[in-house]
Amino acid sequence: QLALVESGGDLVQPGGSLRLSCVASGPMKYVTIGWFRQAPGKEREMVSCITARGRITHQAESAKGRFTTYRENDKNTVYLQMNNLAPEDTAVYFCAARLTEVRLTYTRTKDYDNWGQGTQVTVSS
């Protein structure tokens, strides 16, 4: 019911920064947004979860101090700002939407209703 499109992935050198965007096809002010990533040969893992009110309720340990998530509901957009990128951050990054909020935090892929197609982030010298 809510289409999502990620953008902003790129090839970047270690230490660089990227800002990923997740644009929804309609209003998303009541929607929880999760950011996930999947590296080659790895399981899909959660990066962060942001509630409809903009509260970050989960961050992966590897993201703390480097990544932040925020939203601009008037633009139907959620951002993932990534700083000090490392090769270990190389992955396809996905945003996902949960359309109802019952709990404050959703960390599992099965918790989400809609997914974008992903955007590739490659960190390499």
N, C-alpha and C. Protein backbone atom coordinates (compact mmCIF):
# COMPACT_ATOMS: atom_id res chain seq x y z
N GLN A 1 0.82 -1.21 0.00
CA GLN A 1 0.00 0.00 0.00
C GLN A 1 0.85 1.26 0.00
N LEU A 2 2.08 1.16 0.45
CA LEU A 2 2.99 2.29 0.50
C LEU A 2 4.29 1.91 -0.18
N ALA A 3 4.51 2.45 -1.35
CA ALA A 3 5.73 2.18 -2.09
C ALA A 3 6.89 3.00 -1.53
N LEU A 4 8.05 2.39 -1.50
CA LEU A 4 9.24 3.04 -0.98
C LEU A 4 10.35 2.97 -2.01
N VAL A 5 11.10 4.05 -2.13
CA VAL A 5 12.22 4.11 -3.06
C VAL A 5 13.43 4.66 -2.33
N GLU A 6 14.50 3.87 -2.28
CA GLU A 6 15.75 4.32 -1.70
C GLU A 6 16.63 4.93 -2.77
N SER A 7 17.45 5.87 -2.35
CA SER A 7 18.43 6.45 -3.25
C SER A 7 19.59 6.98 -2.42
N GLY A 8 20.67 7.31 -3.09
CA GLY A 8 21.82 7.90 -2.44
C GLY A 8 23.01 6.99 -2.30
N GLY A 9 22.85 5.71 -2.61
CA GLY A 9 23.97 4.81 -2.54
C GLY A 9 25.01 5.14 -3.60
N ASP A 10 26.27 4.86 -3.28
CA ASP A 10 27.35 5.24 -4.19
C ASP A 10 28.61 4.50 -3.78
N LEU A 11 29.63 4.66 -4.59
CA LEU A 11 30.97 4.22 -4.25
C LEU A 11 31.66 5.36 -3.50
N VAL A 12 32.19 5.06 -2.34
CA VAL A 12 32.82 6.08 -1.51
C VAL A 12 34.07 5.50 -0.86
N GLN A 13 35.06 6.35 -0.64
CA GLN A 13 36.28 5.91 0.01
C GLN A 13 36.10 5.79 1.52
N PRO A 14 36.88 4.95 2.16
CA PRO A 14 36.80 4.88 3.62
C PRO A 14 36.95 6.25 4.26
N GLY A 15 36.12 6.50 5.26
CA GLY A 15 36.09 7.79 5.91
C GLY A 15 35.10 8.76 5.31
N GLY A 16 34.54 8.43 4.18
CA GLY A 16 33.59 9.30 3.52
C GLY A 16 32.21 9.21 4.12
N SER A 17 31.31 10.00 3.56
CA SER A 17 29.94 10.08 4.05
C SER A 17 28.95 9.93 2.91
N LEU A 18 27.79 9.43 3.23
CA LEU A 18 26.67 9.36 2.31
C LEU A 18 25.39 9.64 3.08
N ARG A 19 24.42 10.19 2.37
CA ARG A 19 23.09 10.32 2.92
C ARG A 19 22.12 9.57 2.03
N LEU A 20 21.50 8.56 2.60
CA LEU A 20 20.50 7.79 1.89
C LEU A 20 19.12 8.38 2.14
N SER A 21 18.29 8.31 1.12
CA SER A 21 16.92 8.79 1.22
C SER A 21 15.96 7.63 1.00
N CYS A 22 14.88 7.67 1.72
CA CYS A 22 13.78 6.73 1.54
C CYS A 22 12.53 7.56 1.34
N VAL A 23 12.01 7.55 0.13
CA VAL A 23 10.85 8.37 -0.22
C VAL A 23 9.63 7.47 -0.35
N ALA A 24 8.59 7.82 0.35
CA ALA A 24 7.35 7.06 0.32
C ALA A 24 6.39 7.65 -0.70
N SER A 25 5.51 6.80 -1.20
CA SER A 25 4.57 7.21 -2.23
C SER A 25 3.40 8.02 -1.69
N GLY A 26 3.27 8.07 -0.38
CA GLY A 26 2.19 8.80 0.23
C GLY A 26 2.55 9.22 1.63
N PRO A 27 1.60 9.77 2.36
CA PRO A 27 1.87 10.20 3.73
C PRO A 27 2.41 9.07 4.59
N MET A 28 3.40 9.41 5.39
CA MET A 28 4.03 8.40 6.21
C MET A 28 4.25 8.86 7.65
N LYS A 29 3.50 9.86 8.06
CA LYS A 29 3.70 10.41 9.39
C LYS A 29 3.28 9.46 10.49
N TYR A 30 2.53 8.43 10.16
CA TYR A 30 2.12 7.44 11.15
C TYR A 30 2.89 6.13 11.00
N VAL A 31 3.94 6.15 10.21
CA VAL A 31 4.62 4.92 9.80
C VAL A 31 5.98 4.81 10.47
N THR A 32 6.24 3.63 11.00
CA THR A 32 7.58 3.30 11.48
C THR A 32 8.46 2.91 10.30
N ILE A 33 9.67 3.43 10.28
CA ILE A 33 10.61 3.14 9.20
C ILE A 33 11.83 2.43 9.79
N GLY A 34 12.18 1.34 9.17
CA GLY A 34 13.41 0.64 9.51
C GLY A 34 14.40 0.70 8.37
N TRP A 35 15.66 0.83 8.72
CA TRP A 35 16.75 0.71 7.75
C TRP A 35 17.45 -0.61 8.00
N PHE A 36 17.65 -1.35 6.93
CA PHE A 36 18.35 -2.63 6.97
C PHE A 36 19.47 -2.62 5.95
N ARG A 37 20.39 -3.52 6.10
CA ARG A 37 21.41 -3.70 5.09
C ARG A 37 21.75 -5.18 4.96
N GLN A 38 22.20 -5.54 3.78
CA GLN A 38 22.60 -6.90 3.52
C GLN A 38 23.88 -6.90 2.70
N ALA A 39 24.93 -7.42 3.30
CA ALA A 39 26.22 -7.54 2.64
C ALA A 39 26.32 -8.90 1.96
N PRO A 40 27.20 -9.03 0.97
CA PRO A 40 27.36 -10.32 0.30
C PRO A 40 27.68 -11.43 1.29
N GLY A 41 26.94 -12.52 1.20
CA GLY A 41 27.15 -13.65 2.08
C GLY A 41 26.68 -13.47 3.50
N LYS A 42 26.00 -12.37 3.79
CA LYS A 42 25.55 -12.08 5.14
C LYS A 42 24.03 -12.07 5.21
N GLU A 43 23.54 -12.23 6.42
CA GLU A 43 22.11 -12.08 6.66
C GLU A 43 21.74 -10.60 6.66
N ARG A 44 20.50 -10.33 6.30
CA ARG A 44 20.01 -8.96 6.38
C ARG A 44 19.94 -8.54 7.84
N GLU A 45 20.47 -7.37 8.14
CA GLU A 45 20.52 -6.90 9.51
C GLU A 45 19.93 -5.51 9.63
N MET A 46 19.36 -5.23 10.78
CA MET A 46 18.79 -3.92 11.03
C MET A 46 19.89 -2.92 11.34
N VAL A 47 19.75 -1.74 10.77
CA VAL A 47 20.64 -0.63 11.06
C VAL A 47 20.02 0.32 12.08
N SER A 48 18.76 0.68 11.85
CA SER A 48 18.09 1.59 12.77
C SER A 48 16.59 1.49 12.59
N CYS A 49 15.89 1.95 13.60
CA CYS A 49 14.44 2.02 13.58
C CYS A 49 14.04 3.40 14.07
N ILE A 50 13.14 4.05 13.34
CA ILE A 50 12.67 5.37 13.73
C ILE A 50 11.15 5.36 13.73
N THR A 51 10.57 5.84 14.81
CA THR A 51 9.13 5.81 14.96
C THR A 51 8.48 6.92 14.16
N ALA A 52 7.16 6.88 14.12
CA ALA A 52 6.41 7.91 13.41
C ALA A 52 6.68 9.31 13.97
N ARG A 53 6.98 9.40 15.25
CA ARG A 53 7.26 10.69 15.88
C ARG A 53 8.72 11.11 15.73
N GLY A 54 9.53 10.26 15.13
CA GLY A 54 10.92 10.61 14.92
C GLY A 54 11.87 10.14 16.01
N ARG A 55 11.40 9.29 16.87
CA ARG A 55 12.25 8.75 17.91
C ARG A 55 13.03 7.56 17.39
N ILE A 56 14.33 7.57 17.55
CA ILE A 56 15.16 6.44 17.18
C ILE A 56 15.14 5.46 18.33
N THR A 57 14.52 4.32 18.10
CA THR A 57 14.35 3.33 19.15
C THR A 57 15.32 2.18 19.06
N HIS A 58 16.07 2.10 17.97
CA HIS A 58 17.08 1.06 17.85
C HIS A 58 18.17 1.52 16.91
N GLN A 59 19.39 1.24 17.28
CA GLN A 59 20.55 1.42 16.43
C GLN A 59 21.47 0.23 16.59
N ALA A 60 21.96 -0.27 15.48
CA ALA A 60 22.98 -1.30 15.55
C ALA A 60 24.22 -0.75 16.23
N GLU A 61 24.89 -1.60 16.98
CA GLU A 61 26.10 -1.16 17.67
C GLU A 61 27.13 -0.59 16.70
N SER A 62 27.22 -1.18 15.53
CA SER A 62 28.18 -0.71 14.55
C SER A 62 27.84 0.67 14.00
N ALA A 63 26.60 1.08 14.16
CA ALA A 63 26.16 2.37 13.62
C ALA A 63 26.27 3.50 14.62
N LYS A 64 26.30 3.20 15.89
CA LYS A 64 26.30 4.23 16.92
C LYS A 64 27.53 5.12 16.79
N GLY A 65 27.27 6.42 16.83
CA GLY A 65 28.34 7.38 16.70
C GLY A 65 28.72 7.71 15.28
N ARG A 66 28.19 6.98 14.32
CA ARG A 66 28.52 7.22 12.92
C ARG A 66 27.28 7.50 12.06
N PHE A 67 26.20 6.81 12.35
CA PHE A 67 24.98 6.93 11.55
C PHE A 67 23.90 7.63 12.36
N THR A 68 23.04 8.33 11.67
CA THR A 68 21.85 8.87 12.31
C THR A 68 20.69 8.83 11.33
N THR A 69 19.52 8.68 11.86
CA THR A 69 18.30 8.61 11.05
C THR A 69 17.37 9.74 11.46
N TYR A 70 16.78 10.39 10.48
CA TYR A 70 15.80 11.41 10.76
C TYR A 70 14.79 11.45 9.64
N ARG A 71 13.69 12.12 9.89
CA ARG A 71 12.62 12.13 8.91
C ARG A 71 12.07 13.53 8.70
N GLU A 72 11.59 13.76 7.49
CA GLU A 72 10.89 14.97 7.12
C GLU A 72 9.54 14.55 6.56
N ASN A 73 8.58 14.50 7.43
CA ASN A 73 7.29 13.94 7.05
C ASN A 73 6.58 14.75 5.97
N ASP A 74 6.82 16.05 5.93
CA ASP A 74 6.20 16.86 4.89
C ASP A 74 6.73 16.53 3.51
N LYS A 75 7.88 15.88 3.44
CA LYS A 75 8.46 15.43 2.18
C LYS A 75 8.30 13.93 1.97
N ASN A 76 7.62 13.27 2.87
CA ASN A 76 7.43 11.82 2.82
C ASN A 76 8.78 11.10 2.72
N THR A 77 9.75 11.60 3.45
CA THR A 77 11.11 11.11 3.30
C THR A 77 11.75 10.84 4.66
N VAL A 78 12.48 9.75 4.72
CA VAL A 78 13.32 9.41 5.86
C VAL A 78 14.76 9.29 5.35
N TYR A 79 15.68 9.80 6.13
CA TYR A 79 17.08 9.82 5.74
C TYR A 79 17.92 8.96 6.66
N LEU A 80 18.97 8.42 6.09
CA LEU A 80 20.02 7.76 6.86
C LEU A 80 21.33 8.45 6.52
N GLN A 81 21.84 9.22 7.46
CA GLN A 81 23.11 9.90 7.28
C GLN A 81 24.21 8.99 7.81
N MET A 82 25.16 8.67 6.96
CA MET A 82 26.24 7.76 7.31
C MET A 82 27.56 8.49 7.18
N ASN A 83 28.29 8.55 8.28
CA ASN A 83 29.59 9.21 8.32
C ASN A 83 30.67 8.21 8.67
N ASN A 84 31.90 8.59 8.34
CA ASN A 84 33.05 7.76 8.65
C ASN A 84 32.86 6.32 8.18
N LEU A 85 32.49 6.20 6.93
CA LEU A 85 32.19 4.88 6.39
C LEU A 85 33.44 4.01 6.30
N ALA A 86 33.23 2.73 6.47
CA ALA A 86 34.29 1.74 6.42
C ALA A 86 33.92 0.64 5.44
N PRO A 87 34.89 -0.11 4.96
CA PRO A 87 34.57 -1.20 4.03
C PRO A 87 33.52 -2.17 4.56
N GLU A 88 33.47 -2.35 5.86
CA GLU A 88 32.49 -3.24 6.47
C GLU A 88 31.06 -2.75 6.30
N ASP A 89 30.89 -1.49 5.91
CA ASP A 89 29.56 -0.95 5.67
C ASP A 89 29.04 -1.25 4.27
N THR A 90 29.86 -1.84 3.44
CA THR A 90 29.45 -2.18 2.09
C THR A 90 28.28 -3.15 2.13
N ALA A 91 27.19 -2.78 1.49
CA ALA A 91 25.98 -3.59 1.51
C ALA A 91 24.93 -2.92 0.64
N VAL A 92 23.88 -3.66 0.37
CA VAL A 92 22.67 -3.07 -0.16
C VAL A 92 21.84 -2.60 1.02
N TYR A 93 21.43 -1.35 0.98
CA TYR A 93 20.66 -0.76 2.07
C TYR A 93 19.20 -0.65 1.67
N PHE A 94 18.34 -1.08 2.56
CA PHE A 94 16.90 -1.08 2.33
C PHE A 94 16.20 -0.24 3.37
N CYS A 95 15.14 0.42 2.98
CA CYS A 95 14.22 0.95 3.96
C CYS A 95 12.94 0.13 3.91
N ALA A 96 12.26 0.08 5.03
CA ALA A 96 11.05 -0.69 5.15
C ALA A 96 10.06 0.05 6.03
N ALA A 97 8.80 -0.17 5.78
CA ALA A 97 7.74 0.52 6.50
C ALA A 97 6.83 -0.46 7.22
N ARG A 98 6.56 -0.14 8.46
CA ARG A 98 5.51 -0.82 9.20
C ARG A 98 4.35 0.16 9.30
N LEU A 99 3.18 -0.28 8.89
CA LEU A 99 2.06 0.63 8.74
C LEU A 99 1.28 0.86 10.02
N THR A 100 1.47 0.02 11.00
CA THR A 100 0.81 0.20 12.29
C THR A 100 1.86 0.18 13.39
N GLU A 101 1.63 0.99 14.40
CA GLU A 101 2.53 1.05 15.55
C GLU A 101 1.80 0.54 16.78
N VAL A 102 2.25 -0.59 17.25
CA VAL A 102 1.77 -1.15 18.50
C VAL A 102 2.87 -1.10 19.54
N ARG A 103 4.04 -1.61 19.18
CA ARG A 103 5.22 -1.49 20.00
C ARG A 103 6.01 -0.25 19.59
N LEU A 104 7.01 0.07 20.39
CA LEU A 104 7.86 1.21 20.09
C LEU A 104 9.00 0.85 19.17
N THR A 105 9.39 -0.42 19.16
CA THR A 105 10.55 -0.85 18.40
C THR A 105 10.23 -2.09 17.60
N TYR A 106 10.64 -2.09 16.34
CA TYR A 106 10.50 -3.25 15.47
C TYR A 106 11.87 -3.49 14.84
N THR A 107 12.42 -4.66 15.08
CA THR A 107 13.78 -4.97 14.65
C THR A 107 13.88 -6.15 13.70
N ARG A 108 12.80 -6.82 13.42
CA ARG A 108 12.82 -8.00 12.58
C ARG A 108 12.26 -7.69 11.20
N THR A 109 12.79 -8.36 10.20
CA THR A 109 12.29 -8.14 8.85
C THR A 109 10.81 -8.44 8.73
N LYS A 110 10.35 -9.45 9.46
CA LYS A 110 8.95 -9.82 9.37
C LYS A 110 8.02 -8.82 10.03
N ASP A 111 8.58 -7.86 10.76
CA ASP A 111 7.77 -6.81 11.37
C ASP A 111 7.30 -5.77 10.37
N TYR A 112 7.86 -5.77 9.19
CA TYR A 112 7.62 -4.70 8.23
C TYR A 112 6.75 -5.14 7.08
N ASP A 113 5.96 -4.21 6.60
CA ASP A 113 4.94 -4.50 5.59
C ASP A 113 5.40 -4.21 4.17
N ASN A 114 6.20 -3.19 3.98
CA ASN A 114 6.61 -2.75 2.66
C ASN A 114 8.10 -2.49 2.63
N TRP A 115 8.70 -2.82 1.49
CA TRP A 115 10.14 -2.69 1.31
C TRP A 115 10.46 -1.98 0.02
N GLY A 116 11.53 -1.20 0.06
CA GLY A 116 12.08 -0.66 -1.16
C GLY A 116 12.96 -1.68 -1.86
N GLN A 117 13.49 -1.29 -3.00
CA GLN A 117 14.32 -2.19 -3.80
C GLN A 117 15.77 -2.21 -3.36
N GLY A 118 16.18 -1.25 -2.55
CA GLY A 118 17.53 -1.20 -2.06
C GLY A 118 18.42 -0.28 -2.88
N THR A 119 19.46 0.20 -2.23
CA THR A 119 20.46 1.03 -2.90
C THR A 119 21.84 0.56 -2.46
N GLN A 120 22.74 0.44 -3.41
CA GLN A 120 24.05 -0.14 -3.15
C GLN A 120 25.01 0.90 -2.58
N VAL A 121 25.62 0.55 -1.47
CA VAL A 121 26.68 1.35 -0.87
C VAL A 121 27.96 0.53 -0.92
N THR A 122 28.98 1.07 -1.53
CA THR A 122 30.26 0.40 -1.63
C THR A 122 31.34 1.31 -1.07
N VAL A 123 32.07 0.82 -0.09
CA VAL A 123 33.13 1.59 0.55
C VAL A 123 34.45 0.90 0.22
N SER A 124 35.26 1.58 -0.57
CA SER A 124 36.49 0.97 -1.05
C SER A 124 37.47 2.06 -1.44
N SER A 125 38.75 1.76 -1.26
CA SER A 125 39.80 2.69 -1.66
C SER A 125 39.99 2.67 -3.16
